[in-house]
Amino acid sequence: MKKSIIYFVTVFLIITIMIILQATLSDAFALAPPEPPEPPDQGEGGPPVGGGAPVGGGLIFLMFISAVYGVKKMLHTIKEK
């Protein structure tokens, strides 16, 4: 019985030490992130800095869906009364 407890404690300590070493050494040997790309010049005629994504259509869709949801909730509360 005593040998099994010593064996269990030894295995537990070895596994714990391995986990701690892996967690600390993986950060020590990590590579630095690459340099960010150069910002595009505005005079070259490329896409705008924000990427040129159309935001207006999404906002209209969001307002429409929220209005439909509000009307649904209002009708649901009227039916409950």
N, C-alpha and C. Protein backbone atom coordinates (compact mmCIF):
# COMPACT_ATOMS: atom_id res chain seq x y z
N MET A 1 0.83 -1.20 0.00
CA MET A 1 0.00 0.00 0.00
C MET A 1 0.87 1.26 0.00
N LYS A 2 1.92 1.22 0.83
CA LYS A 2 2.78 2.39 0.92
C LYS A 2 3.54 2.62 -0.38
N LYS A 3 3.93 1.51 -1.06
CA LYS A 3 4.65 1.66 -2.32
C LYS A 3 3.76 2.26 -3.41
N SER A 4 2.49 1.90 -3.41
CA SER A 4 1.59 2.46 -4.42
C SER A 4 1.35 3.95 -4.19
N ILE A 5 1.30 4.38 -2.94
CA ILE A 5 1.14 5.81 -2.66
C ILE A 5 2.38 6.58 -3.10
N ILE A 6 3.56 6.03 -2.81
CA ILE A 6 4.80 6.69 -3.23
C ILE A 6 4.87 6.73 -4.76
N TYR A 7 4.48 5.65 -5.42
CA TYR A 7 4.47 5.62 -6.88
C TYR A 7 3.52 6.67 -7.45
N PHE A 8 2.32 6.75 -6.87
CA PHE A 8 1.33 7.72 -7.34
C PHE A 8 1.84 9.15 -7.15
N VAL A 9 2.42 9.46 -6.00
CA VAL A 9 2.94 10.81 -5.74
C VAL A 9 4.08 11.12 -6.69
N THR A 10 4.94 10.15 -6.95
CA THR A 10 6.06 10.38 -7.87
C THR A 10 5.57 10.67 -9.29
N VAL A 11 4.65 9.87 -9.76
CA VAL A 11 4.10 10.08 -11.10
C VAL A 11 3.39 11.43 -11.17
N PHE A 12 2.62 11.76 -10.14
CA PHE A 12 1.92 13.05 -10.11
C PHE A 12 2.91 14.21 -10.16
N LEU A 13 3.99 14.14 -9.38
CA LEU A 13 4.99 15.22 -9.39
C LEU A 13 5.69 15.32 -10.74
N ILE A 14 6.01 14.20 -11.35
CA ILE A 14 6.68 14.24 -12.66
C ILE A 14 5.76 14.86 -13.70
N ILE A 15 4.51 14.48 -13.71
CA ILE A 15 3.55 15.05 -14.67
C ILE A 15 3.36 16.54 -14.41
N THR A 16 3.26 16.94 -13.15
CA THR A 16 3.10 18.36 -12.82
C THR A 16 4.30 19.17 -13.26
N ILE A 17 5.50 18.65 -13.01
CA ILE A 17 6.72 19.36 -13.42
C ILE A 17 6.79 19.47 -14.94
N MET A 18 6.41 18.41 -15.64
CA MET A 18 6.42 18.46 -17.11
C MET A 18 5.44 19.49 -17.65
N ILE A 19 4.26 19.59 -17.05
CA ILE A 19 3.27 20.57 -17.49
C ILE A 19 3.77 21.98 -17.24
N ILE A 20 4.35 22.21 -16.07
CA ILE A 20 4.87 23.55 -15.74
C ILE A 20 6.01 23.93 -16.68
N LEU A 21 6.93 23.00 -16.94
CA LEU A 21 8.03 23.29 -17.85
C LEU A 21 7.54 23.55 -19.27
N GLN A 22 6.59 22.78 -19.72
CA GLN A 22 6.06 22.99 -21.07
C GLN A 22 5.39 24.35 -21.19
N ALA A 23 4.65 24.74 -20.15
CA ALA A 23 3.94 26.02 -20.20
C ALA A 23 4.91 27.19 -20.17
N THR A 24 5.99 27.08 -19.41
CA THR A 24 6.92 28.21 -19.31
C THR A 24 7.89 28.25 -20.49
N LEU A 25 8.37 27.09 -20.94
CA LEU A 25 9.36 27.08 -22.00
C LEU A 25 8.76 27.32 -23.38
N SER A 26 7.49 27.02 -23.55
CA SER A 26 6.89 27.27 -24.86
C SER A 26 6.82 28.76 -25.15
N ASP A 27 6.65 29.58 -24.12
CA ASP A 27 6.67 31.03 -24.33
C ASP A 27 8.09 31.54 -24.52
N ALA A 28 9.06 30.88 -23.92
CA ALA A 28 10.45 31.34 -24.02
C ALA A 28 11.00 31.13 -25.43
N PHE A 29 10.59 30.07 -26.12
CA PHE A 29 11.12 29.77 -27.44
C PHE A 29 10.17 30.15 -28.57
N ALA A 30 9.14 30.91 -28.27
CA ALA A 30 8.20 31.32 -29.30
C ALA A 30 8.85 32.34 -30.23
N LEU A 31 8.48 32.30 -31.49
CA LEU A 31 9.01 33.25 -32.45
C LEU A 31 8.27 34.58 -32.34
N ALA A 32 8.96 35.63 -32.66
CA ALA A 32 8.35 36.96 -32.66
C ALA A 32 7.37 37.06 -33.83
N PRO A 33 6.30 37.82 -33.67
CA PRO A 33 5.36 37.96 -34.78
C PRO A 33 6.00 38.74 -35.93
N PRO A 34 5.55 38.49 -37.15
CA PRO A 34 6.14 39.20 -38.29
C PRO A 34 5.76 40.68 -38.27
N GLU A 35 6.55 41.45 -38.95
CA GLU A 35 6.29 42.88 -39.03
C GLU A 35 5.00 43.13 -39.81
N PRO A 36 4.22 44.13 -39.40
CA PRO A 36 2.99 44.42 -40.16
C PRO A 36 3.34 45.00 -41.53
N PRO A 37 2.46 44.82 -42.50
CA PRO A 37 2.75 45.35 -43.84
C PRO A 37 2.70 46.87 -43.84
N GLU A 38 3.37 47.42 -44.79
CA GLU A 38 3.40 48.88 -44.92
C GLU A 38 2.01 49.39 -45.30
N PRO A 39 1.58 50.50 -44.74
CA PRO A 39 0.26 51.03 -45.11
C PRO A 39 0.27 51.51 -46.56
N PRO A 40 -0.81 51.27 -47.26
CA PRO A 40 -0.84 51.71 -48.67
C PRO A 40 -0.92 53.23 -48.75
N ASP A 41 -0.27 53.75 -49.76
CA ASP A 41 -0.33 55.19 -49.99
C ASP A 41 -1.70 55.55 -50.56
N GLN A 42 -2.23 56.68 -50.16
CA GLN A 42 -3.55 57.09 -50.62
C GLN A 42 -3.51 57.59 -52.05
N GLY A 43 -2.35 57.95 -52.56
CA GLY A 43 -2.26 58.48 -53.91
C GLY A 43 -2.21 57.42 -55.00
N GLU A 44 -2.10 56.15 -54.64
CA GLU A 44 -1.95 55.11 -55.65
C GLU A 44 -3.27 54.67 -56.25
N GLY A 45 -4.38 55.04 -55.68
CA GLY A 45 -5.67 54.66 -56.23
C GLY A 45 -6.14 53.29 -55.79
N GLY A 46 -5.56 52.74 -54.76
CA GLY A 46 -5.97 51.44 -54.25
C GLY A 46 -7.25 51.57 -53.42
N PRO A 47 -7.66 50.48 -52.79
CA PRO A 47 -8.87 50.54 -51.95
C PRO A 47 -8.63 51.42 -50.73
N PRO A 48 -9.69 51.97 -50.17
CA PRO A 48 -9.51 52.81 -49.00
C PRO A 48 -8.98 52.01 -47.82
N VAL A 49 -8.49 52.70 -46.82
CA VAL A 49 -7.85 52.06 -45.68
C VAL A 49 -8.82 51.14 -44.96
N GLY A 50 -10.08 51.49 -44.87
CA GLY A 50 -11.06 50.66 -44.18
C GLY A 50 -11.45 49.42 -44.96
N GLY A 51 -11.05 49.27 -46.17
CA GLY A 51 -11.35 48.10 -46.97
C GLY A 51 -12.49 48.32 -47.94
N GLY A 52 -13.26 49.36 -47.81
CA GLY A 52 -14.33 49.66 -48.74
C GLY A 52 -15.55 48.77 -48.58
N ALA A 53 -15.79 48.23 -47.39
CA ALA A 53 -16.96 47.38 -47.18
C ALA A 53 -18.22 48.23 -47.10
N PRO A 54 -19.30 47.83 -47.79
CA PRO A 54 -20.53 48.61 -47.73
C PRO A 54 -21.23 48.41 -46.38
N VAL A 55 -21.28 49.47 -45.59
CA VAL A 55 -21.86 49.39 -44.26
C VAL A 55 -23.33 49.78 -44.28
N GLY A 56 -23.74 50.61 -45.20
CA GLY A 56 -25.11 51.13 -45.23
C GLY A 56 -26.17 50.05 -45.34
N GLY A 57 -25.98 49.08 -46.24
CA GLY A 57 -26.96 48.02 -46.42
C GLY A 57 -27.14 47.17 -45.17
N GLY A 58 -26.07 46.91 -44.46
CA GLY A 58 -26.15 46.12 -43.24
C GLY A 58 -26.88 46.86 -42.13
N LEU A 59 -26.68 48.17 -42.06
CA LEU A 59 -27.37 48.95 -41.03
C LEU A 59 -28.87 49.01 -41.28
N ILE A 60 -29.25 49.14 -42.54
CA ILE A 60 -30.68 49.17 -42.88
C ILE A 60 -31.31 47.82 -42.54
N PHE A 61 -30.63 46.72 -42.88
CA PHE A 61 -31.13 45.39 -42.56
C PHE A 61 -31.27 45.20 -41.05
N LEU A 62 -30.28 45.66 -40.28
CA LEU A 62 -30.32 45.54 -38.83
C LEU A 62 -31.49 46.33 -38.24
N MET A 63 -31.73 47.55 -38.74
CA MET A 63 -32.86 48.35 -38.24
C MET A 63 -34.19 47.70 -38.60
N PHE A 64 -34.30 47.14 -39.80
CA PHE A 64 -35.53 46.48 -40.21
C PHE A 64 -35.82 45.26 -39.34
N ILE A 65 -34.83 44.43 -39.11
CA ILE A 65 -35.01 43.23 -38.29
C ILE A 65 -35.35 43.61 -36.85
N SER A 66 -34.71 44.64 -36.31
CA SER A 66 -35.02 45.04 -34.93
C SER A 66 -36.44 45.62 -34.84
N ALA A 67 -36.91 46.32 -35.88
CA ALA A 67 -38.27 46.83 -35.86
C ALA A 67 -39.27 45.68 -35.92
N VAL A 68 -39.00 44.67 -36.74
CA VAL A 68 -39.88 43.50 -36.82
C VAL A 68 -39.91 42.78 -35.48
N TYR A 69 -38.77 42.64 -34.84
CA TYR A 69 -38.71 41.99 -33.54
C TYR A 69 -39.48 42.79 -32.49
N GLY A 70 -39.36 44.11 -32.52
CA GLY A 70 -40.10 44.95 -31.57
C GLY A 70 -41.61 44.83 -31.75
N VAL A 71 -42.07 44.82 -33.01
CA VAL A 71 -43.51 44.66 -33.28
C VAL A 71 -43.97 43.29 -32.81
N LYS A 72 -43.19 42.25 -33.04
CA LYS A 72 -43.54 40.90 -32.59
C LYS A 72 -43.68 40.86 -31.07
N LYS A 73 -42.73 41.45 -30.36
CA LYS A 73 -42.79 41.47 -28.89
C LYS A 73 -44.00 42.26 -28.41
N MET A 74 -44.31 43.37 -29.08
CA MET A 74 -45.45 44.18 -28.68
C MET A 74 -46.75 43.40 -28.88
N LEU A 75 -46.90 42.73 -30.03
CA LEU A 75 -48.10 41.94 -30.28
C LEU A 75 -48.21 40.76 -29.30
N HIS A 76 -47.08 40.19 -28.93
CA HIS A 76 -47.09 39.08 -27.98
C HIS A 76 -47.57 39.54 -26.60
N THR A 77 -47.12 40.73 -26.17
CA THR A 77 -47.56 41.22 -24.87
C THR A 77 -49.04 41.62 -24.89
N ILE A 78 -49.54 42.11 -26.04
CA ILE A 78 -50.96 42.45 -26.14
C ILE A 78 -51.81 41.19 -26.09
N LYS A 79 -51.35 40.10 -26.73
CA LYS A 79 -52.11 38.84 -26.70
C LYS A 79 -52.15 38.25 -25.30
N GLU A 80 -51.12 38.43 -24.50
CA GLU A 80 -51.08 37.87 -23.16
C GLU A 80 -52.10 38.56 -22.24
N LYS A 81 -52.38 39.82 -22.46
CA LYS A 81 -53.31 40.56 -21.61
C LYS A 81 -54.68 40.20 -22.01
